[in-house]
Every structure is written in structure tokens, then in C-alpha cells.
PDB file of N, CA and C in Angstrom:
ATOM      1  N   MET A   1     -25.044  38.906 -79.621  1.00  0.00           N
ATOM      2  CA  MET A   1     -24.973  39.765 -78.459  1.00  0.00           C
ATOM      3  C   MET A   1     -25.561  39.002 -77.264  1.00  0.00           C
ATOM      4  N   PRO A   2     -24.869  38.975 -76.129  1.00  0.00           N
ATOM      5  CA  PRO A   2     -25.363  38.223 -74.973  1.00  0.00           C
ATOM      6  C   PRO A   2     -26.583  38.880 -74.339  1.00  0.00           C
ATOM      7  N   CYS A   3     -27.347  38.048 -73.708  1.00  0.00           N
ATOM      8  CA  CYS A   3     -28.523  38.494 -72.943  1.00  0.00           C
ATOM      9  C   CYS A   3     -28.089  38.594 -71.483  1.00  0.00           C
ATOM     10  N   VAL A   4     -28.308  39.750 -70.865  1.00  0.00           N
ATOM     11  CA  VAL A   4     -27.880  39.973 -69.485  1.00  0.00           C
ATOM     12  C   VAL A   4     -29.085  40.406 -68.657  1.00  0.00           C
ATOM     13  N   ARG A   5     -29.268  39.728 -67.553  1.00  0.00           N
ATOM     14  CA  ARG A   5     -30.333  40.105 -66.613  1.00  0.00           C
ATOM     15  C   ARG A   5     -29.673  40.430 -65.274  1.00  0.00           C
ATOM     16  N   LYS A   6     -29.875  41.673 -64.814  1.00  0.00           N
ATOM     17  CA  LYS A   6     -29.173  42.153 -63.634  1.00  0.00           C
ATOM     18  C   LYS A   6     -30.048  42.224 -62.383  1.00  0.00           C
ATOM     19  N   ASP A   7     -31.294  41.817 -62.470  1.00  0.00           N
ATOM     20  CA  ASP A   7     -32.217  42.031 -61.354  1.00  0.00           C
ATOM     21  C   ASP A   7     -32.644  40.741 -60.645  1.00  0.00           C
ATOM     22  N   LEU A   8     -31.819  39.706 -60.688  1.00  0.00           N
ATOM     23  CA  LEU A   8     -32.176  38.450 -60.040  1.00  0.00           C
ATOM     24  C   LEU A   8     -32.033  38.575 -58.527  1.00  0.00           C
ATOM     25  N   GLN A   9     -33.025  38.066 -57.796  1.00  0.00           N
ATOM     26  CA  GLN A   9     -32.981  38.048 -56.332  1.00  0.00           C
ATOM     27  C   GLN A   9     -33.521  36.717 -55.837  1.00  0.00           C
ATOM     28  N   GLN A  10     -32.862  36.147 -54.830  1.00  0.00           N
ATOM     29  CA  GLN A  10     -33.298  34.879 -54.260  1.00  0.00           C
ATOM     30  C   GLN A  10     -33.164  34.947 -52.745  1.00  0.00           C
ATOM     31  N   PRO A  11     -34.284  34.725 -52.005  1.00  0.00           N
ATOM     32  CA  PRO A  11     -34.148  34.624 -50.554  1.00  0.00           C
ATOM     33  C   PRO A  11     -33.499  33.293 -50.182  1.00  0.00           C
ATOM     34  N   VAL A  12     -32.559  33.341 -49.244  1.00  0.00           N
ATOM     35  CA  VAL A  12     -31.884  32.141 -48.762  1.00  0.00           C
ATOM     36  C   VAL A  12     -31.800  32.199 -47.244  1.00  0.00           C
ATOM     37  N   CYS A  13     -31.545  31.037 -46.649  1.00  0.00           N
ATOM     38  CA  CYS A  13     -31.388  30.939 -45.204  1.00  0.00           C
ATOM     39  C   CYS A  13     -29.996  30.390 -44.909  1.00  0.00           C
ATOM     40  N   LEU A  14     -29.182  31.193 -44.221  1.00  0.00           N
ATOM     41  CA  LEU A  14     -27.845  30.775 -43.810  1.00  0.00           C
ATOM     42  C   LEU A  14     -27.937  30.198 -42.406  1.00  0.00           C
ATOM     43  N   THR A  15     -27.456  28.963 -42.228  1.00  0.00           N
ATOM     44  CA  THR A  15     -27.434  28.321 -40.913  1.00  0.00           C
ATOM     45  C   THR A  15     -25.984  28.022 -40.541  1.00  0.00           C
ATOM     46  N   ILE A  16     -25.603  28.487 -39.358  1.00  0.00           N
ATOM     47  CA  ILE A  16     -24.249  28.276 -38.844  1.00  0.00           C
ATOM     48  C   ILE A  16     -24.358  27.553 -37.510  1.00  0.00           C
ATOM     49  N   VAL A  17     -23.589  26.475 -37.337  1.00  0.00           N
ATOM     50  CA  VAL A  17     -23.531  25.756 -36.061  1.00  0.00           C
ATOM     51  C   VAL A  17     -22.109  25.897 -35.526  1.00  0.00           C
ATOM     52  N   TYR A  18     -22.003  26.478 -34.338  1.00  0.00           N
ATOM     53  CA  TYR A  18     -20.710  26.795 -33.733  1.00  0.00           C
ATOM     54  C   TYR A  18     -20.654  26.162 -32.349  1.00  0.00           C
ATOM     55  N   ASN A  19     -19.564  25.447 -32.052  1.00  0.00           N
ATOM     56  CA  ASN A  19     -19.419  24.833 -30.734  1.00  0.00           C
ATOM     57  C   ASN A  19     -18.696  25.801 -29.803  1.00  0.00           C
ATOM     58  N   LEU A  20     -19.397  26.240 -28.758  1.00  0.00           N
ATOM     59  CA  LEU A  20     -18.828  27.218 -27.831  1.00  0.00           C
ATOM     60  C   LEU A  20     -17.746  26.614 -26.946  1.00  0.00           C
ATOM     61  N   SER A  21     -17.801  25.313 -26.704  1.00  0.00           N
ATOM     62  CA  SER A  21     -16.814  24.661 -25.851  1.00  0.00           C
ATOM     63  C   SER A  21     -15.456  24.564 -26.535  1.00  0.00           C
ATOM     64  N   THR A  22     -15.456  24.163 -27.790  1.00  0.00           N
ATOM     65  CA  THR A  22     -14.202  23.991 -28.527  1.00  0.00           C
ATOM     66  C   THR A  22     -13.821  25.220 -29.341  1.00  0.00           C
ATOM     67  N   GLY A  23     -14.762  26.132 -29.528  1.00  0.00           N
ATOM     68  CA  GLY A  23     -14.493  27.321 -30.332  1.00  0.00           C
ATOM     69  C   GLY A  23     -14.361  27.029 -31.806  1.00  0.00           C
ATOM     70  N   SER A  24     -15.042  25.977 -32.270  1.00  0.00           N
ATOM     71  CA  SER A  24     -14.905  25.599 -33.679  1.00  0.00           C
ATOM     72  C   SER A  24     -16.246  25.634 -34.402  1.00  0.00           C
ATOM     73  N   LEU A  25     -16.143  25.888 -35.700  1.00  0.00           N
ATOM     74  CA  LEU A  25     -17.307  25.850 -36.568  1.00  0.00           C
ATOM     75  C   LEU A  25     -17.641  24.395 -36.864  1.00  0.00           C
ATOM     76  N   ILE A  26     -18.847  23.978 -36.546  1.00  0.00           N
ATOM     77  CA  ILE A  26     -19.275  22.599 -36.792  1.00  0.00           C
ATOM     78  C   ILE A  26     -19.783  22.456 -38.224  1.00  0.00           C
ATOM     79  N   SER A  27     -20.641  23.392 -38.651  1.00  0.00           N
ATOM     80  CA  SER A  27     -21.170  23.328 -40.010  1.00  0.00           C
ATOM     81  C   SER A  27     -21.769  24.671 -40.401  1.00  0.00           C
ATOM     82  N   SER A  28     -21.921  24.848 -41.701  1.00  0.00           N
ATOM     83  CA  SER A  28     -22.645  25.990 -42.234  1.00  0.00           C
ATOM     84  C   SER A  28     -23.330  25.521 -43.511  1.00  0.00           C
ATOM     85  N   SER A  29     -24.520  26.073 -43.762  1.00  0.00           N
ATOM     86  CA  SER A  29     -25.263  25.673 -44.958  1.00  0.00           C
ATOM     87  C   SER A  29     -26.153  26.822 -45.410  1.00  0.00           C
ATOM     88  N   VAL A  30     -26.471  26.796 -46.698  1.00  0.00           N
ATOM     89  CA  VAL A  30     -27.380  27.767 -47.290  1.00  0.00           C
ATOM     90  C   VAL A  30     -28.485  26.987 -47.983  1.00  0.00           C
ATOM     91  N   LYS A  31     -29.739  27.345 -47.675  1.00  0.00           N
ATOM     92  CA  LYS A  31     -30.878  26.712 -48.327  1.00  0.00           C
ATOM     93  C   LYS A  31     -31.748  27.778 -48.969  1.00  0.00           C
ATOM     94  N   CYS A  32     -32.324  27.450 -50.118  1.00  0.00           N
ATOM     95  CA  CYS A  32     -33.241  28.370 -50.774  1.00  0.00           C
ATOM     96  C   CYS A  32     -34.492  28.549 -49.922  1.00  0.00           C
ATOM     97  N   GLY A  33     -35.019  29.748 -49.935  1.00  0.00           N
ATOM     98  CA  GLY A  33     -36.261  30.025 -49.218  1.00  0.00           C
ATOM     99  C   GLY A  33     -36.042  30.939 -48.033  1.00  0.00           C
ATOM    100  N   ARG A  34     -37.135  31.314 -47.449  1.00  0.00           N
ATOM    101  CA  ARG A  34     -37.118  32.246 -46.324  1.00  0.00           C
ATOM    102  C   ARG A  34     -37.004  31.507 -45.000  1.00  0.00           C
ATOM    103  N   CYS A  35     -36.499  32.209 -43.989  1.00  0.00           N
ATOM    104  CA  CYS A  35     -36.470  31.694 -42.632  1.00  0.00           C
ATOM    105  C   CYS A  35     -36.561  32.882 -41.680  1.00  0.00           C
ATOM    106  N   THR A  36     -36.695  32.585 -40.424  1.00  0.00           N
ATOM    107  CA  THR A  36     -36.741  33.616 -39.397  1.00  0.00           C
ATOM    108  C   THR A  36     -35.398  33.650 -38.692  1.00  0.00           C
ATOM    109  N   ARG A  37     -34.888  34.855 -38.476  1.00  0.00           N
ATOM    110  CA  ARG A  37     -33.619  34.998 -37.768  1.00  0.00           C
ATOM    111  C   ARG A  37     -33.782  34.435 -36.363  1.00  0.00           C
ATOM    112  N   SER A  38     -32.859  33.543 -35.977  1.00  0.00           N
ATOM    113  CA  SER A  38     -32.981  32.916 -34.660  1.00  0.00           C
ATOM    114  C   SER A  38     -31.638  32.387 -34.184  1.00  0.00           C
ATOM    115  N   THR A  39     -31.564  32.163 -32.883  1.00  0.00           N
ATOM    116  CA  THR A  39     -30.418  31.487 -32.281  1.00  0.00           C
ATOM    117  C   THR A  39     -30.959  30.416 -31.345  1.00  0.00           C
ATOM    118  N   LYS A  40     -30.229  29.311 -31.266  1.00  0.00           N
ATOM    119  CA  LYS A  40     -30.644  28.201 -30.407  1.00  0.00           C
ATOM    120  C   LYS A  40     -29.386  27.598 -29.789  1.00  0.00           C
ATOM    121  N   TYR A  41     -29.408  27.419 -28.477  1.00  0.00           N
ATOM    122  CA  TYR A  41     -28.257  26.866 -27.772  1.00  0.00           C
ATOM    123  C   TYR A  41     -28.606  25.499 -27.208  1.00  0.00           C
ATOM    124  N   ASN A  42     -27.758  24.499 -27.472  1.00  0.00           N
ATOM    125  CA  ASN A  42     -27.925  23.157 -26.934  1.00  0.00           C
ATOM    126  C   ASN A  42     -26.912  23.004 -25.804  1.00  0.00           C
ATOM    127  N   SER A  43     -27.403  22.964 -24.568  1.00  0.00           N
ATOM    128  CA  SER A  43     -26.496  22.921 -23.413  1.00  0.00           C
ATOM    129  C   SER A  43     -25.761  21.586 -23.285  1.00  0.00           C
ATOM    130  N   GLU A  44     -26.291  20.524 -23.863  1.00  0.00           N
ATOM    131  CA  GLU A  44     -25.604  19.228 -23.801  1.00  0.00           C
ATOM    132  C   GLU A  44     -24.392  19.188 -24.729  1.00  0.00           C
ATOM    133  N   THR A  45     -24.576  19.623 -25.975  1.00  0.00           N
ATOM    134  CA  THR A  45     -23.484  19.579 -26.951  1.00  0.00           C
ATOM    135  C   THR A  45     -22.667  20.870 -26.960  1.00  0.00           C
ATOM    136  N   LYS A  46     -23.179  21.924 -26.330  1.00  0.00           N
ATOM    137  CA  LYS A  46     -22.561  23.264 -26.321  1.00  0.00           C
ATOM    138  C   LYS A  46     -22.550  23.894 -27.713  1.00  0.00           C
ATOM    139  N   ASN A  47     -23.482  23.452 -28.578  1.00  0.00           N
ATOM    140  CA  ASN A  47     -23.578  23.997 -29.922  1.00  0.00           C
ATOM    141  C   ASN A  47     -24.546  25.182 -29.957  1.00  0.00           C
ATOM    142  N   LEU A  48     -24.128  26.244 -30.614  1.00  0.00           N
ATOM    143  CA  LEU A  48     -24.968  27.405 -30.861  1.00  0.00           C
ATOM    144  C   LEU A  48     -25.339  27.390 -32.339  1.00  0.00           C
ATOM    145  N   THR A  49     -26.639  27.356 -32.628  1.00  0.00           N
ATOM    146  CA  THR A  49     -27.131  27.358 -34.008  1.00  0.00           C
ATOM    147  C   THR A  49     -27.706  28.738 -34.307  1.00  0.00           C
ATOM    148  N   ILE A  50     -27.211  29.344 -35.363  1.00  0.00           N
ATOM    149  CA  ILE A  50     -27.644  30.684 -35.766  1.00  0.00           C
ATOM    150  C   ILE A  50     -28.254  30.588 -37.158  1.00  0.00           C
ATOM    151  N   LYS A  51     -29.466  31.133 -37.326  1.00  0.00           N
ATOM    152  CA  LYS A  51     -30.117  31.194 -38.640  1.00  0.00           C
ATOM    153  C   LYS A  51     -30.281  32.657 -39.024  1.00  0.00           C
ATOM    154  N   VAL A  52     -29.877  32.970 -40.260  1.00  0.00           N
ATOM    155  CA  VAL A  52     -29.949  34.342 -40.751  1.00  0.00           C
ATOM    156  C   VAL A  52     -30.590  34.344 -42.141  1.00  0.00           C
ATOM    157  N   PRO A  53     -31.714  35.067 -42.299  1.00  0.00           N
ATOM    158  CA  PRO A  53     -32.298  35.202 -43.641  1.00  0.00           C
ATOM    159  C   PRO A  53     -31.515  36.234 -44.448  1.00  0.00           C
ATOM    160  N   LEU A  54     -31.246  35.928 -45.698  1.00  0.00           N
ATOM    161  CA  LEU A  54     -30.505  36.816 -46.582  1.00  0.00           C
ATOM    162  C   LEU A  54     -31.187  36.894 -47.947  1.00  0.00           C
ATOM    163  N   ILE A  55     -30.902  37.959 -48.659  1.00  0.00           N
ATOM    164  CA  ILE A  55     -31.315  38.083 -50.059  1.00  0.00           C
ATOM    165  C   ILE A  55     -30.036  38.099 -50.891  1.00  0.00           C
ATOM    166  N   VAL A  56     -29.913  37.139 -51.809  1.00  0.00           N
ATOM    167  CA  VAL A  56     -28.764  37.072 -52.704  1.00  0.00           C
ATOM    168  C   VAL A  56     -29.190  37.645 -54.045  1.00  0.00           C
ATOM    169  N   GLU A  57     -28.427  38.629 -54.517  1.00  0.00           N
ATOM    170  CA  GLU A  57     -28.707  39.257 -55.804  1.00  0.00           C
ATOM    171  C   GLU A  57     -27.648  38.813 -56.801  1.00  0.00           C
ATOM    172  N   GLY A  58     -28.079  38.597 -58.039  1.00  0.00           N
ATOM    173  CA  GLY A  58     -27.137  38.101 -59.025  1.00  0.00           C
ATOM    174  C   GLY A  58     -27.350  38.674 -60.405  1.00  0.00           C
ATOM    175  N   ILE A  59     -26.368  38.429 -61.255  1.00  0.00           N
ATOM    176  CA  ILE A  59     -26.413  38.840 -62.655  1.00  0.00           C
ATOM    177  C   ILE A  59     -26.290  37.582 -63.506  1.00  0.00           C
ATOM    178  N   LEU A  60     -27.276  37.334 -64.343  1.00  0.00           N
ATOM    179  CA  LEU A  60     -27.287  36.170 -65.230  1.00  0.00           C
ATOM    180  C   LEU A  60     -26.939  36.620 -66.638  1.00  0.00           C
ATOM    181  N   THR A  61     -25.974  35.939 -67.241  1.00  0.00           N
ATOM    182  CA  THR A  61     -25.579  36.239 -68.619  1.00  0.00           C
ATOM    183  C   THR A  61     -25.706  34.969 -69.447  1.00  0.00           C
ATOM    184  N   ILE A  62     -26.405  35.080 -70.585  1.00  0.00           N
ATOM    185  CA  ILE A  62     -26.521  33.976 -71.543  1.00  0.00           C
ATOM    186  C   ILE A  62     -25.881  34.458 -72.838  1.00  0.00           C
ATOM    187  N   ASN A  63     -24.828  33.734 -73.284  1.00  0.00           N
ATOM    188  CA  ASN A  63     -24.120  34.197 -74.479  1.00  0.00           C
ATOM    189  C   ASN A  63     -24.724  33.587 -75.746  1.00  0.00           C
ATOM    190  N   ASP A  64     -24.116  33.885 -76.879  1.00  0.00           N
ATOM    191  CA  ASP A  64     -24.640  33.448 -78.175  1.00  0.00           C
ATOM    192  C   ASP A  64     -24.636  31.936 -78.341  1.00  0.00           C
ATOM    193  N   ASN A  65     -23.826  31.217 -77.564  1.00  0.00           N
ATOM    194  CA  ASN A  65     -23.782  29.757 -77.629  1.00  0.00           C
ATOM    195  C   ASN A  65     -24.693  29.111 -76.594  1.00  0.00           C
ATOM    196  N   PHE A  66     -25.567  29.901 -75.977  1.00  0.00           N
ATOM    197  CA  PHE A  66     -26.497  29.455 -74.926  1.00  0.00           C
ATOM    198  C   PHE A  66     -25.777  28.949 -73.689  1.00  0.00           C
ATOM    199  N   GLN A  67     -24.561  29.425 -73.476  1.00  0.00           N
ATOM    200  CA  GLN A  67     -23.869  29.147 -72.230  1.00  0.00           C
ATOM    201  C   GLN A  67     -24.258  30.237 -71.243  1.00  0.00           C
ATOM    202  N   ALA A  68     -24.549  29.813 -70.023  1.00  0.00           N
ATOM    203  CA  ALA A  68     -25.005  30.761 -69.006  1.00  0.00           C
ATOM    204  C   ALA A  68     -23.990  30.865 -67.876  1.00  0.00           C
ATOM    205  N   SER A  69     -23.916  32.037 -67.306  1.00  0.00           N
ATOM    206  CA  SER A  69     -23.104  32.240 -66.110  1.00  0.00           C
ATOM    207  C   SER A  69     -23.861  33.160 -65.173  1.00  0.00           C
ATOM    208  N   CYS A  70     -23.672  32.924 -63.893  1.00  0.00           N
ATOM    209  CA  CYS A  70     -24.331  33.748 -62.886  1.00  0.00           C
ATOM    210  C   CYS A  70     -23.268  34.218 -61.897  1.00  0.00           C
ATOM    211  N   VAL A  71     -23.293  35.496 -61.597  1.00  0.00           N
ATOM    212  CA  VAL A  71     -22.339  36.095 -60.684  1.00  0.00           C
ATOM    213  C   VAL A  71     -23.114  36.717 -59.525  1.00  0.00           C
ATOM    214  N   THR A  72     -22.683  36.432 -58.303  1.00  0.00           N
ATOM    215  CA  THR A  72     -23.295  37.049 -57.142  1.00  0.00           C
ATOM    216  C   THR A  72     -22.903  38.521 -57.105  1.00  0.00           C
ATOM    217  N   ALA A  73     -23.906  39.403 -57.052  1.00  0.00           N
ATOM    218  CA  ALA A  73     -23.647  40.834 -57.085  1.00  0.00           C
ATOM    219  C   ALA A  73     -23.760  41.480 -55.705  1.00  0.00           C
ATOM    220  N   ASN A  74     -24.578  40.901 -54.827  1.00  0.00           N
ATOM    221  CA  ASN A  74     -24.796  41.508 -53.523  1.00  0.00           C
ATOM    222  C   ASN A  74     -25.485  40.507 -52.609  1.00  0.00           C
ATOM    223  N   ILE A  75     -25.235  40.631 -51.315  1.00  0.00           N
ATOM    224  CA  ILE A  75     -25.939  39.836 -50.304  1.00  0.00           C
ATOM    225  C   ILE A  75     -26.390  40.806 -49.216  1.00  0.00           C
ATOM    226  N   THR A  76     -27.694  40.833 -48.941  1.00  0.00           N
ATOM    227  CA  THR A  76     -28.229  41.772 -47.961  1.00  0.00           C
ATOM    228  C   THR A  76     -29.230  41.082 -47.037  1.00  0.00           C
ATOM    229  N   LEU A  77     -29.509  41.735 -45.917  1.00  0.00           N
ATOM    230  CA  LEU A  77     -30.596  41.296 -45.039  1.00  0.00           C
ATOM    231  C   LEU A  77     -31.907  41.760 -45.638  1.00  0.00           C
ATOM    232  N   PRO A  78     -32.974  40.957 -45.527  1.00  0.00           N
ATOM    233  CA  PRO A  78     -34.278  41.429 -45.973  1.00  0.00           C
ATOM    234  C   PRO A  78     -34.665  42.692 -45.183  1.00  0.00           C
ATOM    235  N   LYS A  79     -35.387  43.582 -45.813  1.00  0.00           N
ATOM    236  CA  LYS A  79     -35.746  44.854 -45.176  1.00  0.00           C
ATOM    237  C   LYS A  79     -36.462  44.673 -43.847  1.00  0.00           C
ATOM    238  N   ASN A  80     -37.333  43.675 -43.749  1.00  0.00           N
ATOM    239  CA  ASN A  80     -38.080  43.491 -42.509  1.00  0.00           C
ATOM    240  C   ASN A  80     -37.241  42.862 -41.392  1.00  0.00           C
ATOM    241  N   ASN A  81     -35.991  42.462 -41.680  1.00  0.00           N
ATOM    242  CA  ASN A  81     -35.114  41.872 -40.673  1.00  0.00           C
ATOM    243  C   ASN A  81     -34.008  42.823 -40.242  1.00  0.00           C
ATOM    244  N   ARG A  82     -33.923  43.989 -40.818  1.00  0.00           N
ATOM    245  CA  ARG A  82     -32.895  44.945 -40.439  1.00  0.00           C
ATOM    246  C   ARG A  82     -33.272  45.615 -39.135  1.00  0.00           C
ATOM    247  N   GLN A  83     -32.295  45.820 -38.297  1.00  0.00           N
ATOM    248  CA  GLN A  83     -32.545  46.486 -37.024  1.00  0.00           C
ATOM    249  C   GLN A  83     -32.172  47.947 -37.141  1.00  0.00           C
ATOM    250  N   ASN A  84     -32.998  48.798 -36.556  1.00  0.00           N
ATOM    251  CA  ASN A  84     -32.699  50.225 -36.517  1.00  0.00           C
ATOM    252  C   ASN A  84     -31.706  50.503 -35.392  1.00  0.00           C
ATOM    253  N   LYS A  85     -30.694  51.288 -35.676  1.00  0.00           N
ATOM    254  CA  LYS A  85     -29.698  51.633 -34.660  1.00  0.00           C
ATOM    255  C   LYS A  85     -29.638  53.126 -34.493  1.00  0.00           C
TER     256      LYS A  85
END
């Protein structure tokens, strides 16, 4: 019988770099750990850098052959970063 753990959570930081002049996505990356939500504009390169803290929730399954799989179940903003509307 497989072992299933449904309560995995990992804070991550999503960084997006977007060029406002060309209207193109320059890069995007996800790193483990916490960050502060922020935006930064470089007037020379016209790049807008956006950082967003997220919580990734997952389900880990280990089967009888010790093979593991992880499925992303949800992605949310941390509670302290949500804005009241």
C-alpha cells in the first residue's frame, strides 16, 4: 500500500523580469525560500522586475517499490501578503 502525504508546503519566490519597451518577458524563475513582494524598474534597460512570495502545496506519494512522485496541489499567497479588498 503506498504512503501518501498530503500536507506538504514550501515557500518559494517567483521572480519575473519584463521589458516594458519591447513588451517581452525576459526571464522568470522560482527559488526556494521566502521573499518580500516588490517591484523594481530599471530606466536604462526598461526592465520591470517583479518578486512575488508564494506557498506551493503538494502531495507526495511513495509506492511499494520506493518510487516517489510529487504533484502540485495548490499555489497561494502567504497570509501576511494578501491584500484586503
